[in-house]
Amino acid sequence: MSVSNAISLHRLPFTALTLATGLAGMALAATPLARQWGLGTLALSLLIGLLVAQPLPADWRRQGAPALALFKGPVLKAAIVLYGLRIPLQAVGELGIGVILLDAAQILISLGLALWLGRRLLGMSQPAALLIGAGNGICGAAAVLAAEPVLGGKNRDTAMAVAAVVVFGTLNMLLLPLAYHQWPGLLGDPQRFALFTGATVQEVAQVIVAAQAMSPALVDTALLVKMIRVMMLAPTLLLLVALVNRQHRQRPGAEAPARPGGGVRMPPFALLFVAALVANGVGLVPDALAPHIAALDDILLALAMAALGLSTHVDLLRQAGWRPLALGALLWAVTLLVGALALAFLPI
């Protein structure tokens, strides 16, 4: 048997488990009880994945990681791009400059506080602290992995940052819909809840789940706000490059960290999402095709959420240690506070 065939066979059990979990989420979402409780396909797929993952042995989870990465990576990105074909272009113009400024402020505050609190209060290294700040402020684990070559962090720093982002992103994703249904007027109106979700939740997938659990009508706005944060990844990495280069010039004997490919690029799926928005806005998507695109997109999203649940285990808490989790908790609280204050007092 060839190596490629062995790898493919190695992935089959978790590929099948992901498919089964996603289909179970879709089936349960169609039941009257799920509708009564406001539980949609994405939330149920993720929750089923979470429940299934907990008793699985660590060796099994490590072996299944490549299959889960396929669904959390390429499949999720394809689903996000397809979602761009479902959002009316005029929704972008309705966001306003205030939302862009809020997203930028969240990123800068997250990085600045991570650097200050992580180093001064918690005694963490600069790369470890900034990796958590990038993940919290921009787009979760993807931002952590993108910033790691720029900051020159160790493998353990990256793993701890991803764990902190996943833990508090998951809390965000579960708690915000509860707050919405318990206190629907807390932020003024449902649309502001969507803005708040897009501006504060860490991962793109988590934003979609949280918004859909609130109301399917809020997903478009929440995702657009989140994608603005994602598109700020490239300029943020350039800012981090400038910071590292400045410190390197002040310490001539130090070795500068390697740069990824000699430059910084915006995530390709973010550009494709924008292209999909434009294509839908100028009428390139036939009306007859729209329902089929939406159905396919719903399936891909359900599978991505199932994989996200299956790859989230309580072991993350133990592996991360208390310092990264403490920093993640502080940044999480400040992010929520800044978002709430901005929506309460600014004309957004």
C-alpha atoms as a PDB file:
ATOM      1  CA  MET A   1       0.000   0.000   0.000  1.00  0.00           C
ATOM      2  CA  SER A   2       1.364   3.443  -0.907  1.00  0.00           C
ATOM      3  CA  VAL A   3       1.953   6.123   1.692  1.00  0.00           C
ATOM      4  CA  SER A   4      -0.808   8.309   0.228  1.00  0.00           C
ATOM      5  CA  ASN A   5      -3.291   5.435   0.395  1.00  0.00           C
ATOM      6  CA  ALA A   6      -2.306   4.717   3.997  1.00  0.00           C
ATOM      7  CA  ILE A   7      -2.839   8.343   4.928  1.00  0.00           C
ATOM      8  CA  SER A   8      -6.214   8.380   3.179  1.00  0.00           C
ATOM      9  CA  LEU A   9      -7.331   5.228   4.998  1.00  0.00           C
ATOM     10  CA  HIS A  10      -6.014   6.699   8.241  1.00  0.00           C
ATOM     11  CA  ARG A  11      -8.389   9.631   7.816  1.00  0.00           C
ATOM     12  CA  LEU A  12     -11.464   7.600   6.941  1.00  0.00           C
ATOM     13  CA  PRO A  13     -12.814   6.933  10.469  1.00  0.00           C
ATOM     14  CA  PHE A  14     -12.795  10.615  11.481  1.00  0.00           C
ATOM     15  CA  THR A  15     -14.033  11.679   8.069  1.00  0.00           C
ATOM     16  CA  ALA A  16     -16.983   9.328   8.509  1.00  0.00           C
ATOM     17  CA  LEU A  17     -17.484  10.517  12.100  1.00  0.00           C
ATOM     18  CA  THR A  18     -17.543  14.146  10.940  1.00  0.00           C
ATOM     19  CA  LEU A  19     -20.086  13.350   8.219  1.00  0.00           C
ATOM     20  CA  ALA A  20     -22.269  11.452  10.693  1.00  0.00           C
ATOM     21  CA  THR A  21     -22.081  14.258  13.265  1.00  0.00           C
ATOM     22  CA  GLY A  22     -22.976  16.928  10.699  1.00  0.00           C
ATOM     23  CA  LEU A  23     -25.900  14.880   9.361  1.00  0.00           C
ATOM     24  CA  ALA A  24     -27.109  14.240  12.915  1.00  0.00           C
ATOM     25  CA  GLY A  25     -27.049  17.981  13.581  1.00  0.00           C
ATOM     26  CA  MET A  26     -29.062  18.644  10.425  1.00  0.00           C
ATOM     27  CA  ALA A  27     -31.598  15.946  11.320  1.00  0.00           C
ATOM     28  CA  LEU A  28     -32.048  17.133  14.903  1.00  0.00           C
ATOM     29  CA  ALA A  29     -32.416  20.770  13.779  1.00  0.00           C
ATOM     30  CA  ALA A  30     -35.512  19.747  11.797  1.00  0.00           C
ATOM     31  CA  THR A  31     -37.293  18.390  14.891  1.00  0.00           C
ATOM     32  CA  PRO A  32     -40.028  20.435  16.634  1.00  0.00           C
ATOM     33  CA  LEU A  33     -38.094  20.411  19.942  1.00  0.00           C
ATOM     34  CA  ALA A  34     -34.990  21.949  18.361  1.00  0.00           C
ATOM     35  CA  ARG A  35     -37.090  24.640  16.704  1.00  0.00           C
ATOM     36  CA  GLN A  36     -38.843  25.354  19.987  1.00  0.00           C
ATOM     37  CA  TRP A  37     -35.481  25.807  21.742  1.00  0.00           C
ATOM     38  CA  GLY A  38     -34.042  27.837  18.879  1.00  0.00           C
ATOM     39  CA  LEU A  39     -31.252  25.330  18.165  1.00  0.00           C
ATOM     40  CA  GLY A  40     -30.113  25.445  14.537  1.00  0.00           C
ATOM     41  CA  THR A  41     -28.083  23.015  12.472  1.00  0.00           C
ATOM     42  CA  LEU A  42     -24.724  24.625  13.169  1.00  0.00           C
ATOM     43  CA  ALA A  43     -25.105  24.813  16.936  1.00  0.00           C
ATOM     44  CA  LEU A  44     -26.360  21.224  17.127  1.00  0.00           C
ATOM     45  CA  SER A  45     -23.588  19.890  14.871  1.00  0.00           C
ATOM     46  CA  LEU A  46     -20.992  21.563  17.066  1.00  0.00           C
ATOM     47  CA  LEU A  47     -22.585  20.460  20.350  1.00  0.00           C
ATOM     48  CA  ILE A  48     -22.880  16.849  19.175  1.00  0.00           C
ATOM     49  CA  GLY A  49     -19.230  16.973  18.129  1.00  0.00           C
ATOM     50  CA  LEU A  50     -18.250  18.329  21.553  1.00  0.00           C
ATOM     51  CA  LEU A  51     -20.103  15.530  23.330  1.00  0.00           C
ATOM     52  CA  VAL A  52     -18.685  12.815  21.078  1.00  0.00           C
ATOM     53  CA  ALA A  53     -15.102  14.110  21.410  1.00  0.00           C
ATOM     54  CA  GLN A  54     -14.836  14.028  25.203  1.00  0.00           C
ATOM     55  CA  PRO A  55     -14.631  10.222  25.756  1.00  0.00           C
ATOM     56  CA  LEU A  56     -12.355   9.605  22.747  1.00  0.00           C
ATOM     57  CA  PRO A  57      -8.784   8.499  23.668  1.00  0.00           C
ATOM     58  CA  ALA A  58      -6.035  11.050  23.016  1.00  0.00           C
ATOM     59  CA  ASP A  59      -4.332   8.731  20.476  1.00  0.00           C
ATOM     60  CA  TRP A  60      -7.504   8.522  18.419  1.00  0.00           C
ATOM     61  CA  ARG A  61      -7.910  12.282  18.446  1.00  0.00           C
ATOM     62  CA  ARG A  62      -4.312  12.784  17.304  1.00  0.00           C
ATOM     63  CA  GLN A  63      -4.792  10.289  14.475  1.00  0.00           C
ATOM     64  CA  GLY A  64      -7.994  12.022  13.391  1.00  0.00           C
ATOM     65  CA  ALA A  65      -6.494  15.520  13.453  1.00  0.00           C
ATOM     66  CA  PRO A  66      -5.659  15.613   9.685  1.00  0.00           C
ATOM     67  CA  ALA A  67      -9.233  14.721   8.726  1.00  0.00           C
ATOM     68  CA  LEU A  68     -10.680  17.303  11.113  1.00  0.00           C
ATOM     69  CA  ALA A  69      -8.223  19.917   9.802  1.00  0.00           C
ATOM     70  CA  LEU A  70      -9.625  19.361   6.297  1.00  0.00           C
ATOM     71  CA  PHE A  71     -13.148  20.246   7.461  1.00  0.00           C
ATOM     72  CA  LYS A  72     -12.054  23.119   9.729  1.00  0.00           C
ATOM     73  CA  GLY A  73      -9.775  24.527   7.022  1.00  0.00           C
ATOM     74  CA  PRO A  74     -10.584  24.184   3.294  1.00  0.00           C
ATOM     75  CA  VAL A  75     -14.204  23.086   3.792  1.00  0.00           C
ATOM     76  CA  LEU A  76     -14.976  25.942   6.184  1.00  0.00           C
ATOM     77  CA  LYS A  77     -13.273  28.516   3.950  1.00  0.00           C
ATOM     78  CA  ALA A  78     -15.188  27.274   0.918  1.00  0.00           C
ATOM     79  CA  ALA A  79     -18.419  27.558   2.934  1.00  0.00           C
ATOM     80  CA  ILE A  80     -17.585  31.139   3.937  1.00  0.00           C
ATOM     81  CA  VAL A  81     -16.885  32.101   0.322  1.00  0.00           C
ATOM     82  CA  LEU A  82     -20.192  30.532  -0.766  1.00  0.00           C
ATOM     83  CA  TYR A  83     -21.929  32.464   1.988  1.00  0.00           C
ATOM     84  CA  GLY A  84     -20.754  35.628   0.275  1.00  0.00           C
ATOM     85  CA  LEU A  85     -23.033  34.677  -2.618  1.00  0.00           C
ATOM     86  CA  ARG A  86     -25.979  34.793  -0.204  1.00  0.00           C
ATOM     87  CA  ILE A  87     -25.441  38.274   1.267  1.00  0.00           C
ATOM     88  CA  PRO A  88     -26.955  41.314  -0.497  1.00  0.00           C
ATOM     89  CA  LEU A  89     -24.234  43.786  -1.432  1.00  0.00           C
ATOM     90  CA  GLN A  90     -26.183  46.701   0.027  1.00  0.00           C
ATOM     91  CA  ALA A  91     -25.730  45.121   3.468  1.00  0.00           C
ATOM     92  CA  VAL A  92     -22.043  46.080   3.283  1.00  0.00           C
ATOM     93  CA  GLY A  93     -22.822  49.753   2.769  1.00  0.00           C
ATOM     94  CA  GLU A  94     -25.251  49.713   5.678  1.00  0.00           C
ATOM     95  CA  LEU A  95     -22.487  48.846   8.172  1.00  0.00           C
ATOM     96  CA  GLY A  96     -20.865  52.293   8.122  1.00  0.00           C
ATOM     97  CA  ILE A  97     -17.409  53.560   9.043  1.00  0.00           C
ATOM     98  CA  GLY A  98     -18.160  53.170  12.766  1.00  0.00           C
ATOM     99  CA  VAL A  99     -18.058  49.380  12.490  1.00  0.00           C
ATOM    100  CA  ILE A 100     -14.694  49.456  10.707  1.00  0.00           C
ATOM    101  CA  LEU A 101     -13.292  51.728  13.428  1.00  0.00           C
ATOM    102  CA  LEU A 102     -14.699  49.428  16.124  1.00  0.00           C
ATOM    103  CA  ASP A 103     -13.022  46.392  14.547  1.00  0.00           C
ATOM    104  CA  ALA A 104      -9.703  48.244  14.265  1.00  0.00           C
ATOM    105  CA  ALA A 105      -9.946  49.441  17.873  1.00  0.00           C
ATOM    106  CA  GLN A 106     -10.652  45.910  19.101  1.00  0.00           C
ATOM    107  CA  ILE A 107      -7.536  44.599  17.357  1.00  0.00           C
ATOM    108  CA  LEU A 108      -5.248  47.371  18.628  1.00  0.00           C
ATOM    109  CA  ILE A 109      -6.582  47.126  22.183  1.00  0.00           C
ATOM    110  CA  SER A 110      -6.226  43.336  22.166  1.00  0.00           C
ATOM    111  CA  LEU A 111      -2.597  43.485  20.989  1.00  0.00           C
ATOM    112  CA  GLY A 112      -1.649  46.374  23.288  1.00  0.00           C
ATOM    113  CA  LEU A 113      -3.191  44.829  26.390  1.00  0.00           C
ATOM    114  CA  ALA A 114      -1.761  41.396  25.557  1.00  0.00           C
ATOM    115  CA  LEU A 115       1.729  42.863  25.363  1.00  0.00           C
ATOM    116  CA  TRP A 116       1.364  44.860  28.581  1.00  0.00           C
ATOM    117  CA  LEU A 117      -0.563  42.365  30.731  1.00  0.00           C
ATOM    118  CA  GLY A 118       1.210  39.303  29.378  1.00  0.00           C
ATOM    119  CA  ARG A 119       4.711  40.609  30.040  1.00  0.00           C
ATOM    120  CA  ARG A 120       4.226  42.861  33.081  1.00  0.00           C
ATOM    121  CA  LEU A 121       1.524  41.039  35.029  1.00  0.00           C
ATOM    122  CA  LEU A 122       1.903  37.401  33.983  1.00  0.00           C
ATOM    123  CA  GLY A 123       5.605  37.198  33.089  1.00  0.00           C
ATOM    124  CA  MET A 124       5.021  35.729  29.626  1.00  0.00           C
ATOM    125  CA  SER A 125       7.350  36.126  26.662  1.00  0.00           C
ATOM    126  CA  GLN A 126       6.491  38.788  24.091  1.00  0.00           C
ATOM    127  CA  PRO A 127       5.733  36.293  21.278  1.00  0.00           C
ATOM    128  CA  ALA A 128       3.479  34.193  23.516  1.00  0.00           C
ATOM    129  CA  ALA A 129       1.512  37.244  24.690  1.00  0.00           C
ATOM    130  CA  LEU A 130       1.143  38.785  21.234  1.00  0.00           C
ATOM    131  CA  LEU A 131       0.022  35.489  19.714  1.00  0.00           C
ATOM    132  CA  ILE A 132      -2.885  35.386  22.168  1.00  0.00           C
ATOM    133  CA  GLY A 133      -3.620  39.048  21.450  1.00  0.00           C
ATOM    134  CA  ALA A 134      -3.696  38.407  17.689  1.00  0.00           C
ATOM    135  CA  GLY A 135      -5.966  35.394  18.048  1.00  0.00           C
ATOM    136  CA  ASN A 136      -8.368  37.231  20.331  1.00  0.00           C
ATOM    137  CA  GLY A 137      -8.461  40.416  18.263  1.00  0.00           C
ATOM    138  CA  ILE A 138      -8.515  39.186  14.679  1.00  0.00           C
ATOM    139  CA  CYS A 139      -9.632  35.716  13.672  1.00  0.00           C
ATOM    140  CA  GLY A 140      -8.769  33.097  16.258  1.00  0.00           C
ATOM    141  CA  ALA A 141      -6.408  30.226  15.562  1.00  0.00           C
ATOM    142  CA  ALA A 142      -5.819  31.342  11.950  1.00  0.00           C
ATOM    143  CA  ALA A 143      -4.380  34.655  13.197  1.00  0.00           C
ATOM    144  CA  VAL A 144      -2.205  32.826  15.729  1.00  0.00           C
ATOM    145  CA  LEU A 145      -0.723  30.601  13.015  1.00  0.00           C
ATOM    146  CA  ALA A 146      -0.231  33.553  10.661  1.00  0.00           C
ATOM    147  CA  ALA A 147       1.517  35.650  13.329  1.00  0.00           C
ATOM    148  CA  GLU A 148       3.787  32.890  14.632  1.00  0.00           C
ATOM    149  CA  PRO A 149       6.479  33.135  11.902  1.00  0.00           C
ATOM    150  CA  VAL A 150       6.488  36.930  12.237  1.00  0.00           C
ATOM    151  CA  LEU A 151       6.905  36.900  16.019  1.00  0.00           C
ATOM    152  CA  GLY A 152       9.259  33.933  16.160  1.00  0.00           C
ATOM    153  CA  GLY A 153       7.326  32.141  18.883  1.00  0.00           C
ATOM    154  CA  LYS A 154       8.034  28.605  20.043  1.00  0.00           C
ATOM    155  CA  ASN A 155       5.764  25.680  19.198  1.00  0.00           C
ATOM    156  CA  ARG A 156       4.506  25.655  22.790  1.00  0.00           C
ATOM    157  CA  ASP A 157       3.645  29.370  22.556  1.00  0.00           C
ATOM    158  CA  THR A 158       1.545  28.701  19.461  1.00  0.00           C
ATOM    159  CA  ALA A 159      -0.233  25.735  21.018  1.00  0.00           C
ATOM    160  CA  MET A 160      -1.021  27.681  24.207  1.00  0.00           C
ATOM    161  CA  ALA A 161      -2.327  30.664  22.221  1.00  0.00           C
ATOM    162  CA  VAL A 162      -4.605  28.446  20.118  1.00  0.00           C
ATOM    163  CA  ALA A 163      -5.914  26.766  23.275  1.00  0.00           C
ATOM    164  CA  ALA A 164      -6.699  30.110  24.950  1.00  0.00           C
ATOM    165  CA  VAL A 165      -8.461  31.398  21.839  1.00  0.00           C
ATOM    166  CA  VAL A 166     -10.508  28.212  21.417  1.00  0.00           C
ATOM    167  CA  VAL A 167     -11.594  28.150  25.075  1.00  0.00           C
ATOM    168  CA  PHE A 168     -12.861  31.728  25.231  1.00  0.00           C
ATOM    169  CA  GLY A 169     -14.166  31.745  21.680  1.00  0.00           C
ATOM    170  CA  THR A 170     -16.271  28.720  22.578  1.00  0.00           C
ATOM    171  CA  LEU A 171     -17.559  30.495  25.694  1.00  0.00           C
ATOM    172  CA  ASN A 172     -18.466  33.509  23.559  1.00  0.00           C
ATOM    173  CA  MET A 173     -20.247  31.312  21.061  1.00  0.00           C
ATOM    174  CA  LEU A 174     -22.338  29.598  23.736  1.00  0.00           C
ATOM    175  CA  LEU A 175     -23.032  32.541  26.064  1.00  0.00           C
ATOM    176  CA  LEU A 176     -23.941  35.286  23.585  1.00  0.00           C
ATOM    177  CA  PRO A 177     -27.023  33.477  22.197  1.00  0.00           C
ATOM    178  CA  LEU A 178     -28.161  32.830  25.782  1.00  0.00           C
ATOM    179  CA  ALA A 179     -27.778  36.535  26.565  1.00  0.00           C
ATOM    180  CA  TYR A 180     -29.660  37.448  23.384  1.00  0.00           C
ATOM    181  CA  HIS A 181     -32.646  35.238  24.180  1.00  0.00           C
ATOM    182  CA  GLN A 182     -32.650  36.168  27.871  1.00  0.00           C
ATOM    183  CA  TRP A 183     -32.203  39.940  27.392  1.00  0.00           C
ATOM    184  CA  PRO A 184     -33.009  40.751  23.729  1.00  0.00           C
ATOM    185  CA  GLY A 185     -32.967  44.495  24.435  1.00  0.00           C
ATOM    186  CA  LEU A 186     -29.628  44.462  26.263  1.00  0.00           C
ATOM    187  CA  LEU A 187     -27.751  46.226  23.433  1.00  0.00           C
ATOM    188  CA  GLY A 188     -30.714  48.150  22.103  1.00  0.00           C
ATOM    189  CA  ASP A 189     -31.924  45.936  19.241  1.00  0.00           C
ATOM    190  CA  PRO A 190     -31.152  42.604  17.522  1.00  0.00           C
ATOM    191  CA  GLN A 191     -29.017  44.261  14.836  1.00  0.00           C
ATOM    192  CA  ARG A 192     -26.633  45.583  17.480  1.00  0.00           C
ATOM    193  CA  PHE A 193     -26.342  42.070  18.889  1.00  0.00           C
ATOM    194  CA  ALA A 194     -25.207  40.974  15.419  1.00  0.00           C
ATOM    195  CA  LEU A 195     -22.637  43.800  15.299  1.00  0.00           C
ATOM    196  CA  PHE A 196     -21.454  42.878  18.798  1.00  0.00           C
ATOM    197  CA  THR A 197     -21.080  39.217  17.840  1.00  0.00           C
ATOM    198  CA  GLY A 198     -19.039  39.975  14.718  1.00  0.00           C
ATOM    199  CA  ALA A 199     -16.815  42.430  16.611  1.00  0.00           C
ATOM    200  CA  THR A 200     -16.076  40.257  19.661  1.00  0.00           C
ATOM    201  CA  VAL A 201     -16.229  36.530  18.855  1.00  0.00           C
ATOM    202  CA  GLN A 202     -12.836  35.033  18.002  1.00  0.00           C
ATOM    203  CA  GLU A 203     -13.335  32.521  15.166  1.00  0.00           C
ATOM    204  CA  VAL A 204     -15.319  32.998  11.940  1.00  0.00           C
ATOM    205  CA  ALA A 205     -17.035  29.657  12.512  1.00  0.00           C
ATOM    206  CA  GLN A 206     -17.977  30.662  16.051  1.00  0.00           C
ATOM    207  CA  VAL A 207     -19.504  33.907  14.779  1.00  0.00           C
ATOM    208  CA  ILE A 208     -21.738  32.001  12.364  1.00  0.00           C
ATOM    209  CA  VAL A 209     -22.865  29.546  15.041  1.00  0.00           C
ATOM    210  CA  ALA A 210     -23.566  32.265  17.625  1.00  0.00           C
ATOM    211  CA  ALA A 211     -25.475  34.492  15.189  1.00  0.00           C
ATOM    212  CA  GLN A 212     -27.576  31.643  13.836  1.00  0.00           C
ATOM    213  CA  ALA A 213     -28.408  30.528  17.380  1.00  0.00           C
ATOM    214  CA  MET A 214     -29.698  34.071  18.018  1.00  0.00           C
ATOM    215  CA  SER A 215     -31.619  34.410  14.755  1.00  0.00           C
ATOM    216  CA  PRO A 216     -30.806  33.376  11.162  1.00  0.00           C
ATOM    217  CA  ALA A 217     -31.631  36.954  10.146  1.00  0.00           C
ATOM    218  CA  LEU A 218     -28.558  38.186  12.069  1.00  0.00           C
ATOM    219  CA  VAL A 219     -25.956  35.968  10.396  1.00  0.00           C
ATOM    220  CA  ASP A 220     -25.307  38.279   7.409  1.00  0.00           C
ATOM    221  CA  THR A 221     -24.439  41.295   9.550  1.00  0.00           C
ATOM    222  CA  ALA A 222     -22.378  39.353  12.084  1.00  0.00           C
ATOM    223  CA  LEU A 223     -20.366  37.621   9.365  1.00  0.00           C
ATOM    224  CA  LEU A 224     -19.706  40.866   7.477  1.00  0.00           C
ATOM    225  CA  VAL A 225     -18.397  42.557  10.639  1.00  0.00           C
ATOM    226  CA  LYS A 226     -16.211  39.534  11.350  1.00  0.00           C
ATOM    227  CA  MET A 227     -14.844  39.426   7.800  1.00  0.00           C
ATOM    228  CA  ILE A 228     -13.740  43.048   8.152  1.00  0.00           C
ATOM    229  CA  ARG A 229     -11.630  41.876  11.109  1.00  0.00           C
ATOM    230  CA  VAL A 230     -10.270  39.002   9.023  1.00  0.00           C
ATOM    231  CA  MET A 231      -9.262  41.400   6.243  1.00  0.00           C
ATOM    232  CA  MET A 232      -7.361  43.437   8.832  1.00  0.00           C
ATOM    233  CA  LEU A 233      -5.032  40.461   9.364  1.00  0.00           C
ATOM    234  CA  ALA A 234      -2.579  41.592   6.676  1.00  0.00           C
ATOM    235  CA  PRO A 235      -2.104  45.177   7.956  1.00  0.00           C
ATOM    236  CA  THR A 236      -1.883  43.849  11.527  1.00  0.00           C
ATOM    237  CA  LEU A 237       0.897  41.460  10.549  1.00  0.00           C
ATOM    238  CA  LEU A 238       2.710  44.350   8.870  1.00  0.00           C
ATOM    239  CA  LEU A 239       2.428  46.250  12.158  1.00  0.00           C
ATOM    240  CA  LEU A 240       3.906  43.287  14.028  1.00  0.00           C
ATOM    241  CA  VAL A 241       6.723  43.035  11.454  1.00  0.00           C
ATOM    242  CA  ALA A 242       7.547  46.713  12.077  1.00  0.00           C
ATOM    243  CA  LEU A 243       7.545  46.110  15.853  1.00  0.00           C
ATOM    244  CA  VAL A 244       9.866  43.102  15.592  1.00  0.00           C
ATOM    245  CA  ASN A 245      12.215  44.901  13.166  1.00  0.00           C
ATOM    246  CA  ARG A 246      12.385  47.940  15.457  1.00  0.00           C
ATOM    247  CA  GLN A 247      13.310  45.784  18.428  1.00  0.00           C
ATOM    248  CA  HIS A 248      15.840  43.902  16.304  1.00  0.00           C
ATOM    249  CA  ARG A 249      17.541  47.175  15.305  1.00  0.00           C
ATOM    250  CA  GLN A 250      17.810  48.081  18.982  1.00  0.00           C
ATOM    251  CA  ARG A 251      19.550  44.734  19.639  1.00  0.00           C
ATOM    252  CA  PRO A 252      21.960  44.251  16.710  1.00  0.00           C
ATOM    253  CA  GLY A 253      23.240  40.926  17.990  1.00  0.00           C
ATOM    254  CA  ALA A 254      19.798  39.322  18.070  1.00  0.00           C
ATOM    255  CA  GLU A 255      18.634  37.017  15.306  1.00  0.00           C
ATOM    256  CA  ALA A 256      15.520  38.263  13.518  1.00  0.00           C
ATOM    257  CA  PRO A 257      12.693  35.749  13.156  1.00  0.00           C
ATOM    258  CA  ALA A 258      12.029  34.325   9.735  1.00  0.00           C
ATOM    259  CA  ARG A 259       9.385  36.000   7.610  1.00  0.00           C
ATOM    260  CA  PRO A 260       6.729  33.870   5.929  1.00  0.00           C
ATOM    261  CA  GLY A 261       7.564  33.901   2.245  1.00  0.00           C
ATOM    262  CA  GLY A 262       9.361  37.235   2.615  1.00  0.00           C
ATOM    263  CA  GLY A 263       6.101  39.178   2.919  1.00  0.00           C
ATOM    264  CA  VAL A 264       2.628  39.429   4.401  1.00  0.00           C
ATOM    265  CA  ARG A 265      -0.531  38.605   2.483  1.00  0.00           C
ATOM    266  CA  MET A 266      -4.237  38.894   3.144  1.00  0.00           C
ATOM    267  CA  PRO A 267      -5.894  35.471   3.574  1.00  0.00           C
ATOM    268  CA  PRO A 268      -7.007  34.336   0.076  1.00  0.00           C
ATOM    269  CA  PHE A 269     -10.428  33.192   1.296  1.00  0.00           C
ATOM    270  CA  ALA A 270     -11.125  36.732   2.546  1.00  0.00           C
ATOM    271  CA  LEU A 271     -10.481  38.093  -0.951  1.00  0.00           C
ATOM    272  CA  LEU A 272     -12.684  35.374  -2.457  1.00  0.00           C
ATOM    273  CA  PHE A 273     -15.427  36.273   0.021  1.00  0.00           C
ATOM    274  CA  VAL A 274     -15.304  39.881  -1.195  1.00  0.00           C
ATOM    275  CA  ALA A 275     -15.394  38.670  -4.814  1.00  0.00           C
ATOM    276  CA  ALA A 276     -18.449  36.536  -4.021  1.00  0.00           C
ATOM    277  CA  LEU A 277     -20.179  39.545  -2.434  1.00  0.00           C
ATOM    278  CA  VAL A 278     -19.553  41.623  -5.552  1.00  0.00           C
ATOM    279  CA  ALA A 279     -20.632  38.809  -7.884  1.00  0.00           C
ATOM    280  CA  ASN A 280     -23.919  38.488  -6.009  1.00  0.00           C
ATOM    281  CA  GLY A 281     -24.371  42.258  -5.899  1.00  0.00           C
ATOM    282  CA  VAL A 282     -24.035  42.738  -9.655  1.00  0.00           C
ATOM    283  CA  GLY A 283     -26.442  39.893 -10.447  1.00  0.00           C
ATOM    284  CA  LEU A 284     -24.024  37.185 -11.622  1.00  0.00           C
ATOM    285  CA  VAL A 285     -25.767  34.528  -9.500  1.00  0.00           C
ATOM    286  CA  PRO A 286     -28.915  33.239 -11.281  1.00  0.00           C
ATOM    287  CA  ASP A 287     -32.022  33.178  -9.107  1.00  0.00           C
ATOM    288  CA  ALA A 288     -32.605  29.526  -9.970  1.00  0.00           C
ATOM    289  CA  LEU A 289     -29.136  28.617  -8.667  1.00  0.00           C
ATOM    290  CA  ALA A 290     -29.377  30.524  -5.367  1.00  0.00           C
ATOM    291  CA  PRO A 291     -31.356  27.851  -3.412  1.00  0.00           C
ATOM    292  CA  HIS A 292     -28.899  25.116  -4.453  1.00  0.00           C
ATOM    293  CA  ILE A 293     -25.913  27.249  -3.405  1.00  0.00           C
ATOM    294  CA  ALA A 294     -27.573  27.897  -0.051  1.00  0.00           C
ATOM    295  CA  ALA A 295     -28.287  24.178   0.479  1.00  0.00           C
ATOM    296  CA  LEU A 296     -24.708  23.182  -0.362  1.00  0.00           C
ATOM    297  CA  ASP A 297     -23.371  25.934   1.861  1.00  0.00           C
ATOM    298  CA  ASP A 298     -25.517  24.788   4.786  1.00  0.00           C
ATOM    299  CA  ILE A 299     -24.115  21.255   4.441  1.00  0.00           C
ATOM    300  CA  LEU A 300     -20.488  22.454   4.313  1.00  0.00           C
ATOM    301  CA  LEU A 301     -21.036  24.694   7.330  1.00  0.00           C
ATOM    302  CA  ALA A 302     -22.606  21.848   9.304  1.00  0.00           C
ATOM    303  CA  LEU A 303     -19.610  19.601   8.542  1.00  0.00           C
ATOM    304  CA  ALA A 304     -17.159  22.332   9.537  1.00  0.00           C
ATOM    305  CA  MET A 305     -19.003  22.874  12.830  1.00  0.00           C
ATOM    306  CA  ALA A 306     -19.034  19.134  13.494  1.00  0.00           C
ATOM    307  CA  ALA A 307     -15.252  19.020  12.986  1.00  0.00           C
ATOM    308  CA  LEU A 308     -14.802  22.028  15.263  1.00  0.00           C
ATOM    309  CA  GLY A 309     -16.722  20.246  18.011  1.00  0.00           C
ATOM    310  CA  LEU A 310     -14.856  16.976  17.503  1.00  0.00           C
ATOM    311  CA  SER A 311     -11.489  18.742  17.820  1.00  0.00           C
ATOM    312  CA  THR A 312     -12.376  20.610  21.032  1.00  0.00           C
ATOM    313  CA  HIS A 313     -11.493  18.704  24.196  1.00  0.00           C
ATOM    314  CA  VAL A 314     -11.207  19.600  27.867  1.00  0.00           C
ATOM    315  CA  ASP A 315      -7.537  18.601  27.649  1.00  0.00           C
ATOM    316  CA  LEU A 316      -6.961  22.034  26.089  1.00  0.00           C
ATOM    317  CA  LEU A 317      -7.400  23.578  29.545  1.00  0.00           C
ATOM    318  CA  ARG A 318      -4.761  21.351  31.103  1.00  0.00           C
ATOM    319  CA  GLN A 319      -2.262  21.722  28.265  1.00  0.00           C
ATOM    320  CA  ALA A 320      -2.448  25.500  28.109  1.00  0.00           C
ATOM    321  CA  GLY A 321      -1.563  26.214  31.735  1.00  0.00           C
ATOM    322  CA  TRP A 322      -2.900  29.064  33.838  1.00  0.00           C
ATOM    323  CA  ARG A 323      -0.971  32.051  32.409  1.00  0.00           C
ATOM    324  CA  PRO A 324      -2.252  31.872  28.797  1.00  0.00           C
ATOM    325  CA  LEU A 325      -5.756  31.150  30.076  1.00  0.00           C
ATOM    326  CA  ALA A 326      -5.556  34.104  32.484  1.00  0.00           C
ATOM    327  CA  LEU A 327      -4.439  36.407  29.664  1.00  0.00           C
ATOM    328  CA  GLY A 328      -7.129  34.995  27.376  1.00  0.00           C
ATOM    329  CA  ALA A 329      -9.749  35.628  30.073  1.00  0.00           C
ATOM    330  CA  LEU A 330      -8.637  39.241  30.592  1.00  0.00           C
ATOM    331  CA  LEU A 331      -8.624  39.976  26.854  1.00  0.00           C
ATOM    332  CA  TRP A 332     -11.996  38.266  26.458  1.00  0.00           C
ATOM    333  CA  ALA A 333     -13.533  40.424  29.200  1.00  0.00           C
ATOM    334  CA  VAL A 334     -12.028  43.663  27.840  1.00  0.00           C
ATOM    335  CA  THR A 335     -13.140  42.843  24.277  1.00  0.00           C
ATOM    336  CA  LEU A 336     -16.723  42.326  25.431  1.00  0.00           C
ATOM    337  CA  LEU A 337     -16.619  45.523  27.501  1.00  0.00           C
ATOM    338  CA  VAL A 338     -15.216  47.652  24.664  1.00  0.00           C
ATOM    339  CA  GLY A 339     -17.748  46.246  22.194  1.00  0.00           C
ATOM    340  CA  ALA A 340     -20.660  46.842  24.549  1.00  0.00           C
ATOM    341  CA  LEU A 341     -19.580  50.406  25.398  1.00  0.00           C
ATOM    342  CA  ALA A 342     -19.026  51.244  21.725  1.00  0.00           C
ATOM    343  CA  LEU A 343     -22.480  50.024  20.779  1.00  0.00           C
ATOM    344  CA  ALA A 344     -24.060  51.783  23.741  1.00  0.00           C
ATOM    345  CA  PHE A 345     -22.497  55.225  23.262  1.00  0.00           C
ATOM    346  CA  LEU A 346     -21.290  55.507  19.660  1.00  0.00           C
ATOM    347  CA  PRO A 347     -23.538  56.122  16.630  1.00  0.00           C
ATOM    348  CA  ILE A 348     -22.906  52.743  14.992  1.00  0.00           C
END
